[in-house]
Amino acid sequence: MLTSLCPVICTSRLEESRAFYTRLFGFEVTHETEWCVGLGRSGPPPRELVLLDHTHPALPETLRRPVRTVRLTLEAEGGRRELERIAVCREETGAQGCGSAGAAETRGGGLVVTDPNGTTIHVISSN
């Protein structure tokens, strides 16, 4: 039985990525070194994300490259209001949007944003 899942994003933009996930999605820093940031959200089930500096020598040579293609789907409580909060916060942090004119794109009742690494995040509302 799967009890948790922890995606790891290798990045050259560690600080920007930390700010993006903490501001937009409420993650908290659970562990931090100069080359690794562990992020988490409380409550069951565990919600974890790790950001790694892809150039650090602790990583095996084959993993020393930034993320290439990843798409995450995150479900958020709060309906349309939460999607609007994320869109506004994204604008304030300067995070890139997916779609025209750098704006967050609404798609199928959700919102699509792009993190500092180019990771596409489809945010859907649970209500």
C-alpha atoms as a PDB file:
ATOM      1  CA  MET A   1       0.000   0.000   0.000  1.00  0.00           C
ATOM      2  CA  LEU A   2       1.327   3.413  -0.969  1.00  0.00           C
ATOM      3  CA  THR A   3       1.458   5.710   2.070  1.00  0.00           C
ATOM      4  CA  SER A   4       3.130   8.765   0.567  1.00  0.00           C
ATOM      5  CA  LEU A   5       4.631  10.192  -2.587  1.00  0.00           C
ATOM      6  CA  CYS A   6       7.454  12.731  -2.700  1.00  0.00           C
ATOM      7  CA  PRO A   7       8.317  14.242  -6.088  1.00  0.00           C
ATOM      8  CA  VAL A   8      11.885  15.545  -6.414  1.00  0.00           C
ATOM      9  CA  ILE A   9      12.596  18.460  -8.751  1.00  0.00           C
ATOM     10  CA  CYS A  10      16.217  19.019  -9.775  1.00  0.00           C
ATOM     11  CA  THR A  11      16.647  22.734 -10.325  1.00  0.00           C
ATOM     12  CA  SER A  12      19.097  25.531 -10.975  1.00  0.00           C
ATOM     13  CA  ARG A  13      16.599  27.913  -9.320  1.00  0.00           C
ATOM     14  CA  LEU A  14      16.426  26.622  -5.748  1.00  0.00           C
ATOM     15  CA  GLU A  15      15.482  29.878  -3.977  1.00  0.00           C
ATOM     16  CA  GLU A  16      12.889  30.903  -6.565  1.00  0.00           C
ATOM     17  CA  SER A  17      11.354  27.431  -6.466  1.00  0.00           C
ATOM     18  CA  ARG A  18      11.177  27.455  -2.648  1.00  0.00           C
ATOM     19  CA  ALA A  19       9.412  30.835  -2.719  1.00  0.00           C
ATOM     20  CA  PHE A  20       7.023  29.659  -5.437  1.00  0.00           C
ATOM     21  CA  TYR A  21       5.837  26.540  -3.597  1.00  0.00           C
ATOM     22  CA  THR A  22       5.653  28.149  -0.156  1.00  0.00           C
ATOM     23  CA  ARG A  23       3.755  31.252  -1.302  1.00  0.00           C
ATOM     24  CA  LEU A  24       1.396  29.735  -3.832  1.00  0.00           C
ATOM     25  CA  PHE A  25       0.650  26.376  -2.235  1.00  0.00           C
ATOM     26  CA  GLY A  26       1.380  26.820   1.479  1.00  0.00           C
ATOM     27  CA  PHE A  27       4.265  24.358   1.697  1.00  0.00           C
ATOM     28  CA  GLU A  28       6.565  24.795   4.683  1.00  0.00           C
ATOM     29  CA  VAL A  29      10.292  24.152   4.717  1.00  0.00           C
ATOM     30  CA  THR A  30      10.900  20.889   6.610  1.00  0.00           C
ATOM     31  CA  HIS A  31      14.592  20.491   5.778  1.00  0.00           C
ATOM     32  CA  GLU A  32      17.120  22.824   4.208  1.00  0.00           C
ATOM     33  CA  THR A  33      20.749  22.672   3.183  1.00  0.00           C
ATOM     34  CA  GLU A  34      22.664  24.704   0.616  1.00  0.00           C
ATOM     35  CA  TRP A  35      21.637  22.242  -2.120  1.00  0.00           C
ATOM     36  CA  CYS A  36      18.386  20.647  -0.902  1.00  0.00           C
ATOM     37  CA  VAL A  37      15.050  22.012   0.307  1.00  0.00           C
ATOM     38  CA  GLY A  38      12.436  19.659   1.708  1.00  0.00           C
ATOM     39  CA  LEU A  39       8.893  21.009   1.651  1.00  0.00           C
ATOM     40  CA  GLY A  40       5.812  19.621   3.325  1.00  0.00           C
ATOM     41  CA  ARG A  41       2.185  20.256   4.166  1.00  0.00           C
ATOM     42  CA  SER A  42       0.617  18.966   7.339  1.00  0.00           C
ATOM     43  CA  GLY A  43      -2.281  16.583   7.554  1.00  0.00           C
ATOM     44  CA  PRO A  44      -3.032  13.204   6.105  1.00  0.00           C
ATOM     45  CA  PRO A  45      -2.074  12.122   3.578  1.00  0.00           C
ATOM     46  CA  PRO A  46       1.501  13.412   3.695  1.00  0.00           C
ATOM     47  CA  ARG A  47       2.251  16.020   1.046  1.00  0.00           C
ATOM     48  CA  GLU A  48       5.935  16.386   0.329  1.00  0.00           C
ATOM     49  CA  LEU A  49       8.146  17.893  -2.336  1.00  0.00           C
ATOM     50  CA  VAL A  50      11.934  18.089  -2.538  1.00  0.00           C
ATOM     51  CA  LEU A  51      13.948  20.631  -4.512  1.00  0.00           C
ATOM     52  CA  LEU A  52      17.561  19.760  -5.326  1.00  0.00           C
ATOM     53  CA  ASP A  53      20.358  21.857  -6.806  1.00  0.00           C
ATOM     54  CA  HIS A  54      21.109  19.730  -9.857  1.00  0.00           C
ATOM     55  CA  THR A  55      24.804  20.721  -9.865  1.00  0.00           C
ATOM     56  CA  HIS A  56      25.656  19.431  -6.388  1.00  0.00           C
ATOM     57  CA  PRO A  57      28.319  16.703  -6.334  1.00  0.00           C
ATOM     58  CA  ALA A  58      26.306  14.606  -3.852  1.00  0.00           C
ATOM     59  CA  LEU A  59      24.014  13.668  -6.734  1.00  0.00           C
ATOM     60  CA  PRO A  60      25.086  10.869  -9.038  1.00  0.00           C
ATOM     61  CA  GLU A  61      26.463  12.182 -12.333  1.00  0.00           C
ATOM     62  CA  THR A  62      23.464  10.833 -14.265  1.00  0.00           C
ATOM     63  CA  LEU A  63      21.075  13.005 -12.190  1.00  0.00           C
ATOM     64  CA  ARG A  64      22.983  16.279 -12.521  1.00  0.00           C
ATOM     65  CA  ARG A  65      20.606  18.032 -14.858  1.00  0.00           C
ATOM     66  CA  PRO A  66      17.617  20.286 -14.258  1.00  0.00           C
ATOM     67  CA  VAL A  67      14.080  19.008 -14.618  1.00  0.00           C
ATOM     68  CA  ARG A  68      13.062  18.516 -18.235  1.00  0.00           C
ATOM     69  CA  THR A  69       9.392  17.625 -18.340  1.00  0.00           C
ATOM     70  CA  VAL A  70       7.044  17.225 -15.399  1.00  0.00           C
ATOM     71  CA  ARG A  71       3.381  17.997 -14.974  1.00  0.00           C
ATOM     72  CA  LEU A  72       1.837  18.043 -11.521  1.00  0.00           C
ATOM     73  CA  THR A  73      -1.851  18.173 -10.701  1.00  0.00           C
ATOM     74  CA  LEU A  74      -2.663  19.686  -7.323  1.00  0.00           C
ATOM     75  CA  GLU A  75      -6.111  19.711  -5.793  1.00  0.00           C
ATOM     76  CA  ALA A  76      -6.964  22.752  -3.671  1.00  0.00           C
ATOM     77  CA  GLU A  77      -9.864  23.368  -1.306  1.00  0.00           C
ATOM     78  CA  GLY A  78     -11.689  26.661  -1.525  1.00  0.00           C
ATOM     79  CA  GLY A  79     -13.200  26.554  -4.987  1.00  0.00           C
ATOM     80  CA  ARG A  80     -12.920  29.465  -7.376  1.00  0.00           C
ATOM     81  CA  ARG A  81     -11.724  31.773  -4.590  1.00  0.00           C
ATOM     82  CA  GLU A  82      -8.584  29.685  -4.012  1.00  0.00           C
ATOM     83  CA  LEU A  83      -7.839  29.495  -7.731  1.00  0.00           C
ATOM     84  CA  GLU A  84      -8.114  33.285  -7.913  1.00  0.00           C
ATOM     85  CA  ARG A  85      -5.775  33.656  -4.893  1.00  0.00           C
ATOM     86  CA  ILE A  86      -3.181  31.446  -6.594  1.00  0.00           C
ATOM     87  CA  ALA A  87      -3.463  33.420  -9.838  1.00  0.00           C
ATOM     88  CA  VAL A  88      -2.956  36.745  -8.030  1.00  0.00           C
ATOM     89  CA  CYS A  89      -0.094  35.389  -5.920  1.00  0.00           C
ATOM     90  CA  ARG A  90       1.545  33.999  -9.053  1.00  0.00           C
ATOM     91  CA  GLU A  91       1.429  37.461 -10.597  1.00  0.00           C
ATOM     92  CA  GLU A  92       2.945  39.018  -7.457  1.00  0.00           C
ATOM     93  CA  THR A  93       5.834  36.540  -7.312  1.00  0.00           C
ATOM     94  CA  GLY A  94       6.619  36.913 -10.992  1.00  0.00           C
ATOM     95  CA  ALA A  95       6.149  33.202 -11.588  1.00  0.00           C
ATOM     96  CA  GLN A  96       5.623  32.371 -15.215  1.00  0.00           C
ATOM     97  CA  GLY A  97       2.159  31.513 -16.386  1.00  0.00           C
ATOM     98  CA  CYS A  98       1.185  29.021 -18.984  1.00  0.00           C
ATOM     99  CA  GLY A  99      -0.626  30.658 -21.873  1.00  0.00           C
ATOM    100  CA  SER A 100      -0.871  34.084 -23.421  1.00  0.00           C
ATOM    101  CA  ALA A 101       0.587  37.331 -22.091  1.00  0.00           C
ATOM    102  CA  GLY A 102       2.255  35.613 -19.139  1.00  0.00           C
ATOM    103  CA  ALA A 103      -1.051  35.193 -17.328  1.00  0.00           C
ATOM    104  CA  ALA A 104      -2.234  32.098 -15.534  1.00  0.00           C
ATOM    105  CA  GLU A 105      -4.464  30.109 -17.828  1.00  0.00           C
ATOM    106  CA  THR A 106      -7.805  28.701 -16.746  1.00  0.00           C
ATOM    107  CA  ARG A 107      -8.545  25.304 -18.183  1.00  0.00           C
ATOM    108  CA  GLY A 108     -11.445  22.981 -17.475  1.00  0.00           C
ATOM    109  CA  GLY A 109     -12.435  24.721 -14.244  1.00  0.00           C
ATOM    110  CA  GLY A 110      -8.839  24.725 -13.063  1.00  0.00           C
ATOM    111  CA  LEU A 111      -5.787  26.902 -13.332  1.00  0.00           C
ATOM    112  CA  VAL A 112      -2.482  26.157 -15.052  1.00  0.00           C
ATOM    113  CA  VAL A 113       0.706  27.814 -13.748  1.00  0.00           C
ATOM    114  CA  THR A 114       4.359  27.167 -14.427  1.00  0.00           C
ATOM    115  CA  ASP A 115       6.984  27.066 -11.681  1.00  0.00           C
ATOM    116  CA  PRO A 116      10.448  28.693 -12.048  1.00  0.00           C
ATOM    117  CA  ASN A 117      11.799  25.443 -13.514  1.00  0.00           C
ATOM    118  CA  GLY A 118       9.199  25.107 -16.242  1.00  0.00           C
ATOM    119  CA  THR A 119       7.184  22.481 -14.365  1.00  0.00           C
ATOM    120  CA  THR A 120       3.539  22.748 -15.403  1.00  0.00           C
ATOM    121  CA  ILE A 121       1.093  22.659 -12.493  1.00  0.00           C
ATOM    122  CA  HIS A 122      -2.602  22.103 -13.101  1.00  0.00           C
ATOM    123  CA  VAL A 123      -4.487  23.297 -10.022  1.00  0.00           C
ATOM    124  CA  ILE A 124      -8.008  21.969  -9.659  1.00  0.00           C
ATOM    125  CA  SER A 125     -10.622  22.773  -7.066  1.00  0.00           C
ATOM    126  CA  SER A 126     -12.021  20.069  -4.818  1.00  0.00           C
ATOM    127  CA  ASN A 127     -15.277  22.007  -4.403  1.00  0.00           C
END
